[in-house]
Amino acid sequence: MTQGPNRFLDDFAKLMTDAAGVAQGARREVETAFRAQAERFLADMDVVAREDHEVVKEMAVRALDRVEELEQRVEALERALSAEPKTAAKKSAKDAG
């Protein structure tokens, strides 16, 4: 009868090990199903990938820098154009005099 309790404990340990393996497999299946469902949900929402977001963000920063650059050039050209008639008027006044 000394083998009775030992055998019972061995069988119980084996059963628990098998149950843990089954639980681990079920956990993996649930994780996979959840991940697939989350990906489908995000795809339906048209959520943009981080990489795409970063690329567009960089493009926007460059575009804003270029706009500032062009605004400064336009202002400089406008100043130059507004200064030209005054210098032309002074020259014609000197020529007339």
PDB file of N, CA and C in Angstrom:
ATOM      1  N   MET A   1       0.812  -1.185   0.000  1.00  0.00           N
ATOM      2  CA  MET A   1       0.000   0.000   0.000  1.00  0.00           C
ATOM      3  C   MET A   1       0.860   1.255   0.000  1.00  0.00           C
ATOM      4  N   THR A   2       2.134   1.082   0.138  1.00  0.00           N
ATOM      5  CA  THR A   2       3.001   2.250   0.118  1.00  0.00           C
ATOM      6  C   THR A   2       3.063   2.879  -1.260  1.00  0.00           C
ATOM      7  N   GLN A   3       2.757   2.087  -2.291  1.00  0.00           N
ATOM      8  CA  GLN A   3       2.773   2.669  -3.620  1.00  0.00           C
ATOM      9  C   GLN A   3       1.491   3.432  -3.912  1.00  0.00           C
ATOM     10  N   GLY A   4       0.455   3.181  -3.178  1.00  0.00           N
ATOM     11  CA  GLY A   4      -0.841   3.826  -3.416  1.00  0.00           C
ATOM     12  C   GLY A   4      -0.767   5.345  -3.379  1.00  0.00           C
ATOM     13  N   PRO A   5      -0.333   5.933  -2.287  1.00  0.00           N
ATOM     14  CA  PRO A   5      -0.272   7.400  -2.215  1.00  0.00           C
ATOM     15  C   PRO A   5       0.734   7.978  -3.213  1.00  0.00           C
ATOM     16  N   ASN A   6       1.879   7.265  -3.380  1.00  0.00           N
ATOM     17  CA  ASN A   6       2.869   7.764  -4.340  1.00  0.00           C
ATOM     18  C   ASN A   6       2.305   7.771  -5.758  1.00  0.00           C
ATOM     19  N   ARG A   7       1.658   6.683  -6.099  1.00  0.00           N
ATOM     20  CA  ARG A   7       1.086   6.583  -7.445  1.00  0.00           C
ATOM     21  C   ARG A   7       0.006   7.654  -7.634  1.00  0.00           C
ATOM     22  N   PHE A   8      -0.786   7.846  -6.595  1.00  0.00           N
ATOM     23  CA  PHE A   8      -1.824   8.872  -6.675  1.00  0.00           C
ATOM     24  C   PHE A   8      -1.200  10.252  -6.893  1.00  0.00           C
ATOM     25  N   LEU A   9      -0.148  10.567  -6.137  1.00  0.00           N
ATOM     26  CA  LEU A   9       0.517  11.862  -6.286  1.00  0.00           C
ATOM     27  C   LEU A   9       1.175  11.994  -7.657  1.00  0.00           C
ATOM     28  N   ASP A  10       1.775  10.898  -8.155  1.00  0.00           N
ATOM     29  CA  ASP A  10       2.386  10.931  -9.487  1.00  0.00           C
ATOM     30  C   ASP A  10       1.329  11.185 -10.560  1.00  0.00           C
ATOM     31  N   ASP A  11       0.207  10.480 -10.450  1.00  0.00           N
ATOM     32  CA  ASP A  11      -0.870  10.675 -11.423  1.00  0.00           C
ATOM     33  C   ASP A  11      -1.434  12.098 -11.343  1.00  0.00           C
ATOM     34  N   PHE A  12      -1.558  12.566 -10.114  1.00  0.00           N
ATOM     35  CA  PHE A  12      -2.070  13.926  -9.927  1.00  0.00           C
ATOM     36  C   PHE A  12      -1.106  14.957 -10.513  1.00  0.00           C
ATOM     37  N   ALA A  13       0.190  14.779 -10.294  1.00  0.00           N
ATOM     38  CA  ALA A  13       1.197  15.694 -10.837  1.00  0.00           C
ATOM     39  C   ALA A  13       1.172  15.673 -12.363  1.00  0.00           C
ATOM     40  N   LYS A  14       1.045  14.454 -12.927  1.00  0.00           N
ATOM     41  CA  LYS A  14       0.983  14.337 -14.385  1.00  0.00           C
ATOM     42  C   LYS A  14      -0.268  15.040 -14.916  1.00  0.00           C
ATOM     43  N   LEU A  15      -1.377  14.859 -14.241  1.00  0.00           N
ATOM     44  CA  LEU A  15      -2.624  15.499 -14.648  1.00  0.00           C
ATOM     45  C   LEU A  15      -2.493  17.026 -14.605  1.00  0.00           C
ATOM     46  N   MET A  16      -1.874  17.532 -13.564  1.00  0.00           N
ATOM     47  CA  MET A  16      -1.687  18.983 -13.441  1.00  0.00           C
ATOM     48  C   MET A  16      -0.743  19.511 -14.530  1.00  0.00           C
ATOM     49  N   THR A  17       0.299  18.750 -14.841  1.00  0.00           N
ATOM     50  CA  THR A  17       1.229  19.147 -15.900  1.00  0.00           C
ATOM     51  C   THR A  17       0.509  19.199 -17.241  1.00  0.00           C
ATOM     52  N   ASP A  18      -0.296  18.177 -17.510  1.00  0.00           N
ATOM     53  CA  ASP A  18      -1.062  18.156 -18.762  1.00  0.00           C
ATOM     54  C   ASP A  18      -2.063  19.315 -18.806  1.00  0.00           C
ATOM     55  N   ALA A  19      -2.698  19.579 -17.684  1.00  0.00           N
ATOM     56  CA  ALA A  19      -3.673  20.673 -17.627  1.00  0.00           C
ATOM     57  C   ALA A  19      -2.985  22.014 -17.862  1.00  0.00           C
ATOM     58  N   ALA A  20      -1.786  22.165 -17.312  1.00  0.00           N
ATOM     59  CA  ALA A  20      -1.040  23.408 -17.520  1.00  0.00           C
ATOM     60  C   ALA A  20      -0.678  23.572 -18.992  1.00  0.00           C
ATOM     61  N   GLY A  21      -0.297  22.471 -19.646  1.00  0.00           N
ATOM     62  CA  GLY A  21       0.013  22.519 -21.077  1.00  0.00           C
ATOM     63  C   GLY A  21      -1.203  22.903 -21.902  1.00  0.00           C
ATOM     64  N   VAL A  22      -2.351  22.326 -21.553  1.00  0.00           N
ATOM     65  CA  VAL A  22      -3.588  22.659 -22.265  1.00  0.00           C
ATOM     66  C   VAL A  22      -3.940  24.129 -22.038  1.00  0.00           C
ATOM     67  N   ALA A  23      -3.792  24.586 -20.805  1.00  0.00           N
ATOM     68  CA  ALA A  23      -4.097  25.987 -20.494  1.00  0.00           C
ATOM     69  C   ALA A  23      -3.168  26.923 -21.266  1.00  0.00           C
ATOM     70  N   GLN A  24      -1.902  26.554 -21.369  1.00  0.00           N
ATOM     71  CA  GLN A  24      -0.934  27.375 -22.113  1.00  0.00           C
ATOM     72  C   GLN A  24      -1.322  27.440 -23.590  1.00  0.00           C
ATOM     73  N   GLY A  25      -1.713  26.306 -24.148  1.00  0.00           N
ATOM     74  CA  GLY A  25      -2.151  26.279 -25.547  1.00  0.00           C
ATOM     75  C   GLY A  25      -3.391  27.129 -25.762  1.00  0.00           C
ATOM     76  N   ALA A  26      -4.322  27.036 -24.827  1.00  0.00           N
ATOM     77  CA  ALA A  26      -5.545  27.839 -24.923  1.00  0.00           C
ATOM     78  C   ALA A  26      -5.214  29.327 -24.827  1.00  0.00           C
ATOM     79  N   ARG A  27      -4.272  29.658 -23.953  1.00  0.00           N
ATOM     80  CA  ARG A  27      -3.860  31.059 -23.808  1.00  0.00           C
ATOM     81  C   ARG A  27      -3.290  31.585 -25.117  1.00  0.00           C
ATOM     82  N   ARG A  28      -2.440  30.780 -25.777  1.00  0.00           N
ATOM     83  CA  ARG A  28      -1.859  31.191 -27.065  1.00  0.00           C
ATOM     84  C   ARG A  28      -2.945  31.391 -28.115  1.00  0.00           C
ATOM     85  N   GLU A  29      -3.919  30.489 -28.126  1.00  0.00           N
ATOM     86  CA  GLU A  29      -5.020  30.613 -29.093  1.00  0.00           C
ATOM     87  C   GLU A  29      -5.827  31.880 -28.844  1.00  0.00           C
ATOM     88  N   VAL A  30      -6.105  32.170 -27.584  1.00  0.00           N
ATOM     89  CA  VAL A  30      -6.859  33.377 -27.250  1.00  0.00           C
ATOM     90  C   VAL A  30      -6.061  34.619 -27.638  1.00  0.00           C
ATOM     91  N   GLU A  31      -4.768  34.631 -27.358  1.00  0.00           N
ATOM     92  CA  GLU A  31      -3.930  35.773 -27.732  1.00  0.00           C
ATOM     93  C   GLU A  31      -3.934  35.987 -29.242  1.00  0.00           C
ATOM     94  N   THR A  32      -3.794  34.904 -29.992  1.00  0.00           N
ATOM     95  CA  THR A  32      -3.784  34.998 -31.451  1.00  0.00           C
ATOM     96  C   THR A  32      -5.115  35.527 -31.965  1.00  0.00           C
ATOM     97  N   ALA A  33      -6.204  35.003 -31.431  1.00  0.00           N
ATOM     98  CA  ALA A  33      -7.530  35.458 -31.858  1.00  0.00           C
ATOM     99  C   ALA A  33      -7.742  36.928 -31.499  1.00  0.00           C
ATOM    100  N   PHE A  34      -7.320  37.311 -30.312  1.00  0.00           N
ATOM    101  CA  PHE A  34      -7.473  38.703 -29.881  1.00  0.00           C
ATOM    102  C   PHE A  34      -6.649  39.632 -30.761  1.00  0.00           C
ATOM    103  N   ARG A  35      -5.409  39.236 -31.042  1.00  0.00           N
ATOM    104  CA  ARG A  35      -4.532  40.054 -31.885  1.00  0.00           C
ATOM    105  C   ARG A  35      -5.140  40.220 -33.283  1.00  0.00           C
ATOM    106  N   ALA A  36      -5.655  39.142 -33.846  1.00  0.00           N
ATOM    107  CA  ALA A  36      -6.272  39.207 -35.176  1.00  0.00           C
ATOM    108  C   ALA A  36      -7.495  40.119 -35.151  1.00  0.00           C
ATOM    109  N   GLN A  37      -8.298  40.003 -34.111  1.00  0.00           N
ATOM    110  CA  GLN A  37      -9.490  40.847 -33.999  1.00  0.00           C
ATOM    111  C   GLN A  37      -9.091  42.315 -33.849  1.00  0.00           C
ATOM    112  N   ALA A  38      -8.076  42.597 -33.052  1.00  0.00           N
ATOM    113  CA  ALA A  38      -7.620  43.979 -32.869  1.00  0.00           C
ATOM    114  C   ALA A  38      -7.086  44.547 -34.180  1.00  0.00           C
ATOM    115  N   GLU A  39      -6.336  43.747 -34.932  1.00  0.00           N
ATOM    116  CA  GLU A  39      -5.822  44.212 -36.221  1.00  0.00           C
ATOM    117  C   GLU A  39      -6.963  44.505 -37.188  1.00  0.00           C
ATOM    118  N   ARG A  40      -7.983  43.652 -37.210  1.00  0.00           N
ATOM    119  CA  ARG A  40      -9.149  43.896 -38.065  1.00  0.00           C
ATOM    120  C   ARG A  40      -9.865  45.181 -37.649  1.00  0.00           C
ATOM    121  N   PHE A  41     -10.009  45.366 -36.357  1.00  0.00           N
ATOM    122  CA  PHE A  41     -10.677  46.562 -35.842  1.00  0.00           C
ATOM    123  C   PHE A  41      -9.918  47.820 -36.253  1.00  0.00           C
ATOM    124  N   LEU A  42      -8.596  47.809 -36.091  1.00  0.00           N
ATOM    125  CA  LEU A  42      -7.790  48.971 -36.461  1.00  0.00           C
ATOM    126  C   LEU A  42      -7.809  49.208 -37.963  1.00  0.00           C
ATOM    127  N   ALA A  43      -7.816  48.144 -38.751  1.00  0.00           N
ATOM    128  CA  ALA A  43      -7.875  48.289 -40.206  1.00  0.00           C
ATOM    129  C   ALA A  43      -9.205  48.916 -40.621  1.00  0.00           C
ATOM    130  N   ASP A  44     -10.283  48.536 -39.959  1.00  0.00           N
ATOM    131  CA  ASP A  44     -11.592  49.113 -40.270  1.00  0.00           C
ATOM    132  C   ASP A  44     -11.664  50.586 -39.896  1.00  0.00           C
ATOM    133  N   MET A  45     -10.904  50.989 -38.896  1.00  0.00           N
ATOM    134  CA  MET A  45     -10.920  52.381 -38.455  1.00  0.00           C
ATOM    135  C   MET A  45      -9.999  53.259 -39.296  1.00  0.00           C
ATOM    136  N   ASP A  46      -9.280  52.696 -40.237  1.00  0.00           N
ATOM    137  CA  ASP A  46      -8.324  53.435 -41.067  1.00  0.00           C
ATOM    138  C   ASP A  46      -7.274  54.141 -40.214  1.00  0.00           C
ATOM    139  N   VAL A  47      -6.755  53.458 -39.229  1.00  0.00           N
ATOM    140  CA  VAL A  47      -5.698  54.001 -38.392  1.00  0.00           C
ATOM    141  C   VAL A  47      -4.395  53.910 -39.177  1.00  0.00           C
ATOM    142  N   VAL A  48      -3.637  54.987 -39.162  1.00  0.00           N
ATOM    143  CA  VAL A  48      -2.393  55.031 -39.928  1.00  0.00           C
ATOM    144  C   VAL A  48      -1.262  54.396 -39.121  1.00  0.00           C
ATOM    145  N   ALA A  49      -0.348  53.769 -39.822  1.00  0.00           N
ATOM    146  CA  ALA A  49       0.807  53.158 -39.162  1.00  0.00           C
ATOM    147  C   ALA A  49       1.751  54.255 -38.677  1.00  0.00           C
ATOM    148  N   ARG A  50       2.472  53.993 -37.622  1.00  0.00           N
ATOM    149  CA  ARG A  50       3.397  54.980 -37.064  1.00  0.00           C
ATOM    150  C   ARG A  50       4.423  55.417 -38.100  1.00  0.00           C
ATOM    151  N   GLU A  51       4.942  54.474 -38.883  1.00  0.00           N
ATOM    152  CA  GLU A  51       5.947  54.816 -39.894  1.00  0.00           C
ATOM    153  C   GLU A  51       5.377  55.813 -40.894  1.00  0.00           C
ATOM    154  N   ASP A  52       4.150  55.559 -41.353  1.00  0.00           N
ATOM    155  CA  ASP A  52       3.520  56.477 -42.304  1.00  0.00           C
ATOM    156  C   ASP A  52       3.306  57.847 -41.671  1.00  0.00           C
ATOM    157  N   HIS A  53       2.910  57.852 -40.412  1.00  0.00           N
ATOM    158  CA  HIS A  53       2.694  59.109 -39.699  1.00  0.00           C
ATOM    159  C   HIS A  53       3.991  59.904 -39.617  1.00  0.00           C
ATOM    160  N   GLU A  54       5.082  59.238 -39.285  1.00  0.00           N
ATOM    161  CA  GLU A  54       6.371  59.920 -39.161  1.00  0.00           C
ATOM    162  C   GLU A  54       6.817  60.495 -40.501  1.00  0.00           C
ATOM    163  N   VAL A  55       6.594  59.752 -41.588  1.00  0.00           N
ATOM    164  CA  VAL A  55       6.981  60.229 -42.919  1.00  0.00           C
ATOM    165  C   VAL A  55       6.196  61.487 -43.273  1.00  0.00           C
ATOM    166  N   VAL A  56       4.889  61.460 -43.059  1.00  0.00           N
ATOM    167  CA  VAL A  56       4.056  62.619 -43.393  1.00  0.00           C
ATOM    168  C   VAL A  56       4.396  63.801 -42.490  1.00  0.00           C
ATOM    169  N   LYS A  57       4.691  63.528 -41.241  1.00  0.00           N
ATOM    170  CA  LYS A  57       5.068  64.594 -40.308  1.00  0.00           C
ATOM    171  C   LYS A  57       6.340  65.287 -40.784  1.00  0.00           C
ATOM    172  N   GLU A  58       7.327  64.508 -41.204  1.00  0.00           N
ATOM    173  CA  GLU A  58       8.583  65.067 -41.714  1.00  0.00           C
ATOM    174  C   GLU A  58       8.333  65.888 -42.978  1.00  0.00           C
ATOM    175  N   MET A  59       7.465  65.405 -43.853  1.00  0.00           N
ATOM    176  CA  MET A  59       7.132  66.151 -45.071  1.00  0.00           C
ATOM    177  C   MET A  59       6.487  67.494 -44.719  1.00  0.00           C
ATOM    178  N   ALA A  60       5.619  67.495 -43.730  1.00  0.00           N
ATOM    179  CA  ALA A  60       4.946  68.727 -43.320  1.00  0.00           C
ATOM    180  C   ALA A  60       5.943  69.723 -42.735  1.00  0.00           C
ATOM    181  N   VAL A  61       6.876  69.240 -41.942  1.00  0.00           N
ATOM    182  CA  VAL A  61       7.893  70.123 -41.358  1.00  0.00           C
ATOM    183  C   VAL A  61       8.722  70.757 -42.464  1.00  0.00           C
ATOM    184  N   ARG A  62       9.149  69.941 -43.442  1.00  0.00           N
ATOM    185  CA  ARG A  62       9.931  70.480 -44.562  1.00  0.00           C
ATOM    186  C   ARG A  62       9.120  71.493 -45.364  1.00  0.00           C
ATOM    187  N   ALA A  63       7.847  71.201 -45.575  1.00  0.00           N
ATOM    188  CA  ALA A  63       6.996  72.120 -46.336  1.00  0.00           C
ATOM    189  C   ALA A  63       6.844  73.449 -45.603  1.00  0.00           C
ATOM    190  N   LEU A  64       6.658  73.410 -44.294  1.00  0.00           N
ATOM    191  CA  LEU A  64       6.535  74.645 -43.520  1.00  0.00           C
ATOM    192  C   LEU A  64       7.827  75.453 -43.549  1.00  0.00           C
ATOM    193  N   ASP A  65       8.964  74.772 -43.477  1.00  0.00           N
ATOM    194  CA  ASP A  65      10.250  75.467 -43.577  1.00  0.00           C
ATOM    195  C   ASP A  65      10.375  76.155 -44.929  1.00  0.00           C
ATOM    196  N   ARG A  66       9.974  75.461 -45.974  1.00  0.00           N
ATOM    197  CA  ARG A  66      10.051  76.015 -47.332  1.00  0.00           C
ATOM    198  C   ARG A  66       9.108  77.210 -47.477  1.00  0.00           C
ATOM    199  N   VAL A  67       7.926  77.136 -46.887  1.00  0.00           N
ATOM    200  CA  VAL A  67       6.979  78.251 -46.944  1.00  0.00           C
ATOM    201  C   VAL A  67       7.572  79.480 -46.267  1.00  0.00           C
ATOM    202  N   GLU A  68       8.178  79.300 -45.100  1.00  0.00           N
ATOM    203  CA  GLU A  68       8.809  80.426 -44.401  1.00  0.00           C
ATOM    204  C   GLU A  68       9.906  81.040 -45.260  1.00  0.00           C
ATOM    205  N   GLU A  69      10.701  80.189 -45.875  1.00  0.00           N
ATOM    206  CA  GLU A  69      11.780  80.643 -46.749  1.00  0.00           C
ATOM    207  C   GLU A  69      11.217  81.486 -47.897  1.00  0.00           C
ATOM    208  N   LEU A  70      10.171  80.992 -48.526  1.00  0.00           N
ATOM    209  CA  LEU A  70       9.570  81.701 -49.656  1.00  0.00           C
ATOM    210  C   LEU A  70       8.897  82.998 -49.216  1.00  0.00           C
ATOM    211  N   GLU A  71       8.292  83.005 -48.039  1.00  0.00           N
ATOM    212  CA  GLU A  71       7.690  84.242 -47.528  1.00  0.00           C
ATOM    213  C   GLU A  71       8.750  85.317 -47.340  1.00  0.00           C
ATOM    214  N   GLN A  72       9.908  84.929 -46.824  1.00  0.00           N
ATOM    215  CA  GLN A  72      10.990  85.898 -46.636  1.00  0.00           C
ATOM    216  C   GLN A  72      11.482  86.432 -47.975  1.00  0.00           C
ATOM    217  N   ARG A  73      11.576  85.564 -48.969  1.00  0.00           N
ATOM    218  CA  ARG A  73      12.009  86.009 -50.298  1.00  0.00           C
ATOM    219  C   ARG A  73      10.996  86.970 -50.914  1.00  0.00           C
ATOM    220  N   VAL A  74       9.713  86.668 -50.759  1.00  0.00           N
ATOM    221  CA  VAL A  74       8.666  87.545 -51.298  1.00  0.00           C
ATOM    222  C   VAL A  74       8.723  88.907 -50.623  1.00  0.00           C
ATOM    223  N   GLU A  75       8.878  88.921 -49.308  1.00  0.00           N
ATOM    224  CA  GLU A  75       8.974  90.191 -48.582  1.00  0.00           C
ATOM    225  C   GLU A  75      10.164  91.002 -49.069  1.00  0.00           C
ATOM    226  N   ALA A  76      11.304  90.349 -49.269  1.00  0.00           N
ATOM    227  CA  ALA A  76      12.498  91.052 -49.749  1.00  0.00           C
ATOM    228  C   ALA A  76      12.262  91.611 -51.150  1.00  0.00           C
ATOM    229  N   LEU A  77      11.630  90.843 -52.010  1.00  0.00           N
ATOM    230  CA  LEU A  77      11.340  91.319 -53.364  1.00  0.00           C
ATOM    231  C   LEU A  77      10.344  92.478 -53.343  1.00  0.00           C
ATOM    232  N   GLU A  78       9.348  92.398 -52.478  1.00  0.00           N
ATOM    233  CA  GLU A  78       8.379  93.492 -52.368  1.00  0.00           C
ATOM    234  C   GLU A  78       9.048  94.766 -51.879  1.00  0.00           C
ATOM    235  N   ARG A  79       9.953  94.644 -50.917  1.00  0.00           N
ATOM    236  CA  ARG A  79      10.691  95.818 -50.442  1.00  0.00           C
ATOM    237  C   ARG A  79      11.536  96.404 -51.564  1.00  0.00           C
ATOM    238  N   ALA A  80      12.194  95.529 -52.317  1.00  0.00           N
ATOM    239  CA  ALA A  80      13.035  95.997 -53.421  1.00  0.00           C
ATOM    240  C   ALA A  80      12.186  96.689 -54.485  1.00  0.00           C
ATOM    241  N   LEU A  81      11.028  96.155 -54.778  1.00  0.00           N
ATOM    242  CA  LEU A  81      10.154  96.767 -55.786  1.00  0.00           C
ATOM    243  C   LEU A  81       9.589  98.101 -55.311  1.00  0.00           C
ATOM    244  N   SER A  82       9.248  98.193 -54.046  1.00  0.00           N
ATOM    245  CA  SER A  82       8.700  99.454 -53.539  1.00  0.00           C
ATOM    246  C   SER A  82       9.791 100.511 -53.440  1.00  0.00           C
ATOM    247  N   ALA A  83      11.035 100.126 -53.295  1.00  0.00           N
ATOM    248  CA  ALA A  83      12.143 101.081 -53.229  1.00  0.00           C
ATOM    249  C   ALA A  83      12.544 101.547 -54.621  1.00  0.00           C
ATOM    250  N   GLU A  84      12.334 100.792 -55.662  1.00  0.00           N
ATOM    251  CA  GLU A  84      12.745 101.138 -57.026  1.00  0.00           C
ATOM    252  C   GLU A  84      12.072 102.395 -57.558  1.00  0.00           C
ATOM    253  N   PRO A  85      10.771 102.571 -57.457  1.00  0.00           N
ATOM    254  CA  PRO A  85      10.163 103.788 -58.011  1.00  0.00           C
ATOM    255  C   PRO A  85      10.703 105.059 -57.370  1.00  0.00           C
ATOM    256  N   LYS A  86      11.026 105.016 -56.101  1.00  0.00           N
ATOM    257  CA  LYS A  86      11.570 106.198 -55.431  1.00  0.00           C
ATOM    258  C   LYS A  86      12.928 106.554 -56.018  1.00  0.00           C
ATOM    259  N   THR A  87      13.776 105.562 -56.228  1.00  0.00           N
ATOM    260  CA  THR A  87      15.098 105.849 -56.798  1.00  0.00           C
ATOM    261  C   THR A  87      14.965 106.265 -58.251  1.00  0.00           C
ATOM    262  N   ALA A  88      14.012 105.721 -58.977  1.00  0.00           N
ATOM    263  CA  ALA A  88      13.799 106.114 -60.372  1.00  0.00           C
ATOM    264  C   ALA A  88      13.276 107.544 -60.433  1.00  0.00           C
ATOM    265  N   ALA A  89      12.413 107.930 -59.505  1.00  0.00           N
ATOM    266  CA  ALA A  89      11.879 109.295 -59.480  1.00  0.00           C
ATOM    267  C   ALA A  89      12.986 110.283 -59.158  1.00  0.00           C
ATOM    268  N   LYS A  90      13.886 109.936 -58.265  1.00  0.00           N
ATOM    269  CA  LYS A  90      15.004 110.814 -57.921  1.00  0.00           C
ATOM    270  C   LYS A  90      15.919 111.005 -59.125  1.00  0.00           C
ATOM    271  N   LYS A  91      16.180 109.942 -59.883  1.00  0.00           N
ATOM    272  CA  LYS A  91      17.039 110.031 -61.061  1.00  0.00           C
ATOM    273  C   LYS A  91      16.417 110.941 -62.117  1.00  0.00           C
ATOM    274  N   SER A  92      15.121 110.808 -62.361  1.00  0.00           N
ATOM    275  CA  SER A  92      14.478 111.632 -63.387  1.00  0.00           C
ATOM    276  C   SER A  92      14.416 113.090 -62.939  1.00  0.00           C
ATOM    277  N   ALA A  93      14.307 113.344 -61.639  1.00  0.00           N
ATOM    278  CA  ALA A  93      14.314 114.717 -61.138  1.00  0.00           C
ATOM    279  C   ALA A  93      15.688 115.329 -61.334  1.00  0.00           C
ATOM    280  N   LYS A  94      16.743 114.555 -61.143  1.00  0.00           N
ATOM    281  CA  LYS A  94      18.106 115.042 -61.354  1.00  0.00           C
ATOM    282  C   LYS A  94      18.336 115.319 -62.837  1.00  0.00           C
ATOM    283  N   ASP A  95      17.824 114.455 -63.691  1.00  0.00           N
ATOM    284  CA  ASP A  95      17.993 114.621 -65.131  1.00  0.00           C
ATOM    285  C   ASP A  95      17.238 115.858 -65.622  1.00  0.00           C
ATOM    286  N   ALA A  96      16.111 116.173 -65.047  1.00  0.00           N
ATOM    287  CA  ALA A  96      15.309 117.320 -65.461  1.00  0.00           C
ATOM    288  C   ALA A  96      15.939 118.616 -64.978  1.00  0.00           C
ATOM    289  N   GLY A  97      16.635 118.594 -63.922  1.00  0.00           N
ATOM    290  CA  GLY A  97      17.174 119.770 -63.265  1.00  0.00           C
ATOM    291  C   GLY A  97      18.447 120.224 -63.768  1.00  0.00           C
TER     292      GLY A  97
END
